[in-house]
Amino acid sequence: SQMISGASRVRGAPLIIWDCHGQDNQRWELPAVGTVGPARVYGALCLDAAGGASTDGTPLITWDCHGGANQQWLRTAAGELRGVGGK
């Protein structure tokens, strides 16, 4: 599962891979399957491709929700979460 490192609530906190434990830093509100929208955590922060980049290796962080393209994610029927750029 993806979680926010150190359970930080500060914008810019990086995401890391971690065993599932069900705490708030792993509870994401995702768009419905087949739709594009934000992935929210803590109710006020969104999954964000840092700096608006879409190149390989771009870090994923939390940031204030602003509706930009770098915060729009497609949730697929296969369980994937893809950025609007297809990654």
N, C-alpha and C. Protein backbone atom coordinates (compact mmCIF):
# COMPACT_ATOMS: atom_id res chain seq x y z
N SER A 1 0.83 -1.18 0.00
CA SER A 1 0.00 0.00 0.00
C SER A 1 0.88 1.24 0.00
N GLN A 2 0.39 2.31 -0.60
CA GLN A 2 1.11 3.56 -0.55
C GLN A 2 0.70 4.31 0.70
N MET A 3 1.65 4.93 1.32
CA MET A 3 1.35 5.73 2.51
C MET A 3 2.21 6.96 2.52
N ILE A 4 1.85 7.90 3.35
CA ILE A 4 2.62 9.12 3.50
C ILE A 4 3.71 8.85 4.51
N SER A 5 4.92 9.16 4.13
CA SER A 5 6.07 8.91 4.98
C SER A 5 5.91 9.60 6.33
N GLY A 6 6.10 8.85 7.40
CA GLY A 6 6.06 9.39 8.75
C GLY A 6 4.70 9.91 9.17
N ALA A 7 3.65 9.56 8.43
CA ALA A 7 2.28 10.04 8.70
C ALA A 7 2.22 11.56 8.70
N SER A 8 3.10 12.19 7.95
CA SER A 8 3.18 13.65 7.89
C SER A 8 1.90 14.23 7.30
N ARG A 9 1.48 15.36 7.83
CA ARG A 9 0.35 16.10 7.29
C ARG A 9 0.82 17.40 6.64
N VAL A 10 2.10 17.51 6.40
CA VAL A 10 2.71 18.69 5.79
C VAL A 10 2.71 18.50 4.28
N ARG A 11 2.33 19.55 3.55
CA ARG A 11 2.35 19.42 2.09
C ARG A 11 3.79 19.22 1.63
N GLY A 12 3.93 18.40 0.60
CA GLY A 12 5.25 18.06 0.09
C GLY A 12 5.78 16.75 0.65
N ALA A 13 5.03 16.13 1.58
CA ALA A 13 5.47 14.85 2.15
C ALA A 13 5.50 13.79 1.04
N PRO A 14 6.56 13.00 0.96
CA PRO A 14 6.65 11.98 -0.08
C PRO A 14 5.80 10.75 0.24
N LEU A 15 5.41 10.04 -0.81
CA LEU A 15 4.74 8.76 -0.65
C LEU A 15 5.77 7.65 -0.68
N ILE A 16 5.53 6.62 0.10
CA ILE A 16 6.40 5.45 0.12
C ILE A 16 5.53 4.20 0.10
N ILE A 17 6.13 3.07 -0.23
CA ILE A 17 5.46 1.77 -0.20
C ILE A 17 5.64 1.20 1.20
N TRP A 18 4.55 0.64 1.78
CA TRP A 18 4.62 0.11 3.14
C TRP A 18 3.57 -0.98 3.30
N ASP A 19 3.79 -1.92 4.21
CA ASP A 19 2.77 -2.92 4.51
C ASP A 19 1.48 -2.23 4.94
N CYS A 20 0.36 -2.83 4.59
CA CYS A 20 -0.94 -2.26 4.97
C CYS A 20 -1.13 -2.34 6.48
N HIS A 21 -1.58 -1.22 7.07
CA HIS A 21 -1.86 -1.20 8.50
C HIS A 21 -3.15 -0.45 8.83
N GLY A 22 -3.75 0.21 7.82
CA GLY A 22 -5.06 0.82 7.99
C GLY A 22 -5.09 2.16 8.70
N GLN A 23 -3.94 2.76 8.96
CA GLN A 23 -3.93 4.06 9.62
C GLN A 23 -4.30 5.17 8.61
N ASP A 24 -4.56 6.36 9.14
CA ASP A 24 -5.02 7.46 8.31
C ASP A 24 -4.10 7.79 7.13
N ASN A 25 -2.80 7.59 7.28
CA ASN A 25 -1.88 7.93 6.20
C ASN A 25 -1.90 6.90 5.06
N GLN A 26 -2.78 5.88 5.17
CA GLN A 26 -3.01 4.93 4.08
C GLN A 26 -4.46 4.97 3.61
N ARG A 27 -5.26 5.85 4.13
CA ARG A 27 -6.68 5.91 3.76
C ARG A 27 -6.89 7.00 2.71
N TRP A 28 -6.94 6.57 1.48
CA TRP A 28 -7.08 7.47 0.34
C TRP A 28 -8.52 7.45 -0.16
N GLU A 29 -9.04 8.62 -0.48
CA GLU A 29 -10.33 8.74 -1.17
C GLU A 29 -9.99 8.84 -2.66
N LEU A 30 -10.37 7.81 -3.42
CA LEU A 30 -10.00 7.72 -4.83
C LEU A 30 -11.20 8.02 -5.72
N PRO A 31 -10.93 8.44 -6.97
CA PRO A 31 -12.05 8.62 -7.90
C PRO A 31 -12.73 7.27 -8.16
N ALA A 32 -13.98 7.31 -8.58
CA ALA A 32 -14.69 6.08 -8.90
C ALA A 32 -14.00 5.39 -10.08
N VAL A 33 -14.14 4.07 -10.15
CA VAL A 33 -13.54 3.30 -11.23
C VAL A 33 -14.03 3.85 -12.57
N GLY A 34 -13.08 4.08 -13.48
CA GLY A 34 -13.40 4.58 -14.81
C GLY A 34 -13.51 6.09 -14.90
N THR A 35 -13.26 6.78 -13.80
CA THR A 35 -13.35 8.24 -13.83
C THR A 35 -12.01 8.86 -13.44
N VAL A 36 -11.88 10.13 -13.78
CA VAL A 36 -10.69 10.92 -13.46
C VAL A 36 -11.04 11.89 -12.35
N GLY A 37 -10.15 12.03 -11.39
CA GLY A 37 -10.35 12.98 -10.31
C GLY A 37 -9.18 12.95 -9.35
N PRO A 38 -9.30 13.68 -8.24
CA PRO A 38 -8.21 13.72 -7.26
C PRO A 38 -8.20 12.47 -6.38
N ALA A 39 -7.05 12.17 -5.83
CA ALA A 39 -6.89 11.15 -4.79
C ALA A 39 -6.55 11.92 -3.53
N ARG A 40 -7.46 11.91 -2.56
CA ARG A 40 -7.32 12.73 -1.35
C ARG A 40 -6.93 11.90 -0.14
N VAL A 41 -6.19 12.54 0.74
CA VAL A 41 -5.82 11.94 2.02
C VAL A 41 -6.00 13.01 3.09
N TYR A 42 -6.36 12.61 4.27
CA TYR A 42 -6.62 13.54 5.38
C TYR A 42 -7.71 14.55 5.04
N GLY A 43 -8.46 14.32 3.97
CA GLY A 43 -9.54 15.20 3.59
C GLY A 43 -9.13 16.48 2.89
N ALA A 44 -7.90 16.92 3.05
CA ALA A 44 -7.51 18.23 2.53
C ALA A 44 -6.27 18.20 1.63
N LEU A 45 -5.55 17.10 1.59
CA LEU A 45 -4.35 17.01 0.76
C LEU A 45 -4.61 16.05 -0.41
N CYS A 46 -3.96 16.32 -1.53
CA CYS A 46 -4.13 15.49 -2.71
C CYS A 46 -2.81 14.88 -3.15
N LEU A 47 -2.93 13.73 -3.81
CA LEU A 47 -1.79 13.10 -4.45
C LEU A 47 -1.38 14.00 -5.61
N ASP A 48 -0.10 14.34 -5.69
CA ASP A 48 0.38 15.37 -6.59
C ASP A 48 1.68 14.90 -7.24
N ALA A 49 1.76 15.02 -8.57
CA ALA A 49 3.03 14.80 -9.26
C ALA A 49 3.84 16.08 -9.07
N ALA A 50 4.92 15.98 -8.32
CA ALA A 50 5.70 17.15 -7.90
C ALA A 50 6.07 18.05 -9.06
N GLY A 51 5.86 19.34 -8.84
CA GLY A 51 6.25 20.35 -9.81
C GLY A 51 5.45 20.31 -11.10
N GLY A 52 4.36 19.55 -11.14
CA GLY A 52 3.57 19.45 -12.35
C GLY A 52 4.23 18.61 -13.43
N ALA A 53 5.29 17.91 -13.08
CA ALA A 53 6.04 17.12 -14.07
C ALA A 53 5.30 15.83 -14.40
N SER A 54 5.63 15.27 -15.57
CA SER A 54 5.05 13.98 -15.97
C SER A 54 6.11 13.05 -16.54
N THR A 55 7.37 13.31 -16.22
CA THR A 55 8.46 12.48 -16.72
C THR A 55 8.71 11.31 -15.78
N ASP A 56 9.32 10.27 -16.31
CA ASP A 56 9.66 9.11 -15.48
C ASP A 56 10.50 9.57 -14.30
N GLY A 57 10.21 9.03 -13.13
CA GLY A 57 10.98 9.35 -11.93
C GLY A 57 10.45 10.54 -11.15
N THR A 58 9.39 11.19 -11.65
CA THR A 58 8.81 12.32 -10.91
C THR A 58 8.29 11.82 -9.58
N PRO A 59 8.67 12.44 -8.47
CA PRO A 59 8.16 11.99 -7.17
C PRO A 59 6.67 12.32 -7.00
N LEU A 60 6.00 11.47 -6.27
CA LEU A 60 4.62 11.72 -5.87
C LEU A 60 4.64 12.23 -4.44
N ILE A 61 3.93 13.31 -4.21
CA ILE A 61 3.90 13.96 -2.90
C ILE A 61 2.46 14.31 -2.54
N THR A 62 2.26 14.79 -1.34
CA THR A 62 0.97 15.38 -0.98
C THR A 62 1.07 16.89 -1.16
N TRP A 63 -0.05 17.50 -1.54
CA TRP A 63 -0.07 18.95 -1.72
C TRP A 63 -1.50 19.43 -1.56
N ASP A 64 -1.64 20.72 -1.29
CA ASP A 64 -2.98 21.29 -1.23
C ASP A 64 -3.73 20.95 -2.52
N CYS A 65 -4.99 20.59 -2.42
CA CYS A 65 -5.79 20.27 -3.60
C CYS A 65 -6.06 21.55 -4.38
N HIS A 66 -5.72 21.54 -5.69
CA HIS A 66 -5.94 22.71 -6.53
C HIS A 66 -6.58 22.38 -7.86
N GLY A 67 -6.78 21.09 -8.15
CA GLY A 67 -7.47 20.69 -9.37
C GLY A 67 -6.62 20.69 -10.62
N GLY A 68 -5.32 20.94 -10.48
CA GLY A 68 -4.43 20.95 -11.65
C GLY A 68 -4.30 19.57 -12.27
N ALA A 69 -3.79 19.54 -13.50
CA ALA A 69 -3.62 18.28 -14.23
C ALA A 69 -2.72 17.30 -13.48
N ASN A 70 -1.77 17.81 -12.71
CA ASN A 70 -0.86 16.92 -11.98
C ASN A 70 -1.50 16.33 -10.72
N GLN A 71 -2.78 16.63 -10.49
CA GLN A 71 -3.53 16.03 -9.38
C GLN A 71 -4.74 15.25 -9.89
N GLN A 72 -4.79 14.96 -11.18
CA GLN A 72 -5.90 14.23 -11.76
C GLN A 72 -5.46 12.80 -12.05
N TRP A 73 -6.23 11.84 -11.56
CA TRP A 73 -5.86 10.43 -11.64
C TRP A 73 -7.03 9.62 -12.17
N LEU A 74 -6.74 8.69 -13.07
CA LEU A 74 -7.74 7.77 -13.60
C LEU A 74 -7.64 6.47 -12.81
N ARG A 75 -8.75 6.05 -12.24
CA ARG A 75 -8.80 4.77 -11.53
C ARG A 75 -9.35 3.73 -12.50
N THR A 76 -8.54 2.73 -12.83
CA THR A 76 -8.94 1.72 -13.81
C THR A 76 -9.61 0.52 -13.14
N ALA A 77 -10.33 -0.24 -13.93
CA ALA A 77 -10.99 -1.46 -13.45
C ALA A 77 -9.96 -2.49 -12.98
N ALA A 78 -8.72 -2.38 -13.47
CA ALA A 78 -7.65 -3.31 -13.08
C ALA A 78 -7.02 -2.92 -11.74
N GLY A 79 -7.51 -1.82 -11.13
CA GLY A 79 -6.98 -1.40 -9.84
C GLY A 79 -5.81 -0.45 -9.93
N GLU A 80 -5.55 0.07 -11.13
CA GLU A 80 -4.45 1.01 -11.31
C GLU A 80 -4.92 2.43 -11.05
N LEU A 81 -3.98 3.28 -10.71
CA LEU A 81 -4.24 4.70 -10.59
C LEU A 81 -3.25 5.37 -11.54
N ARG A 82 -3.75 5.92 -12.64
CA ARG A 82 -2.89 6.49 -13.67
C ARG A 82 -3.04 8.00 -13.72
N GLY A 83 -1.92 8.68 -13.86
CA GLY A 83 -1.95 10.12 -14.07
C GLY A 83 -2.58 10.41 -15.42
N VAL A 84 -3.11 11.63 -15.59
CA VAL A 84 -3.76 11.96 -16.85
C VAL A 84 -2.80 11.87 -18.03
N GLY A 85 -1.50 11.90 -17.78
CA GLY A 85 -0.50 11.72 -18.83
C GLY A 85 -0.32 10.26 -19.20
N GLY A 86 -1.00 9.33 -18.51
CA GLY A 86 -0.94 7.91 -18.85
C GLY A 86 0.02 7.10 -18.02
N LYS A 87 0.75 7.74 -17.10
CA LYS A 87 1.73 7.00 -16.29
C LYS A 87 1.13 6.56 -14.98
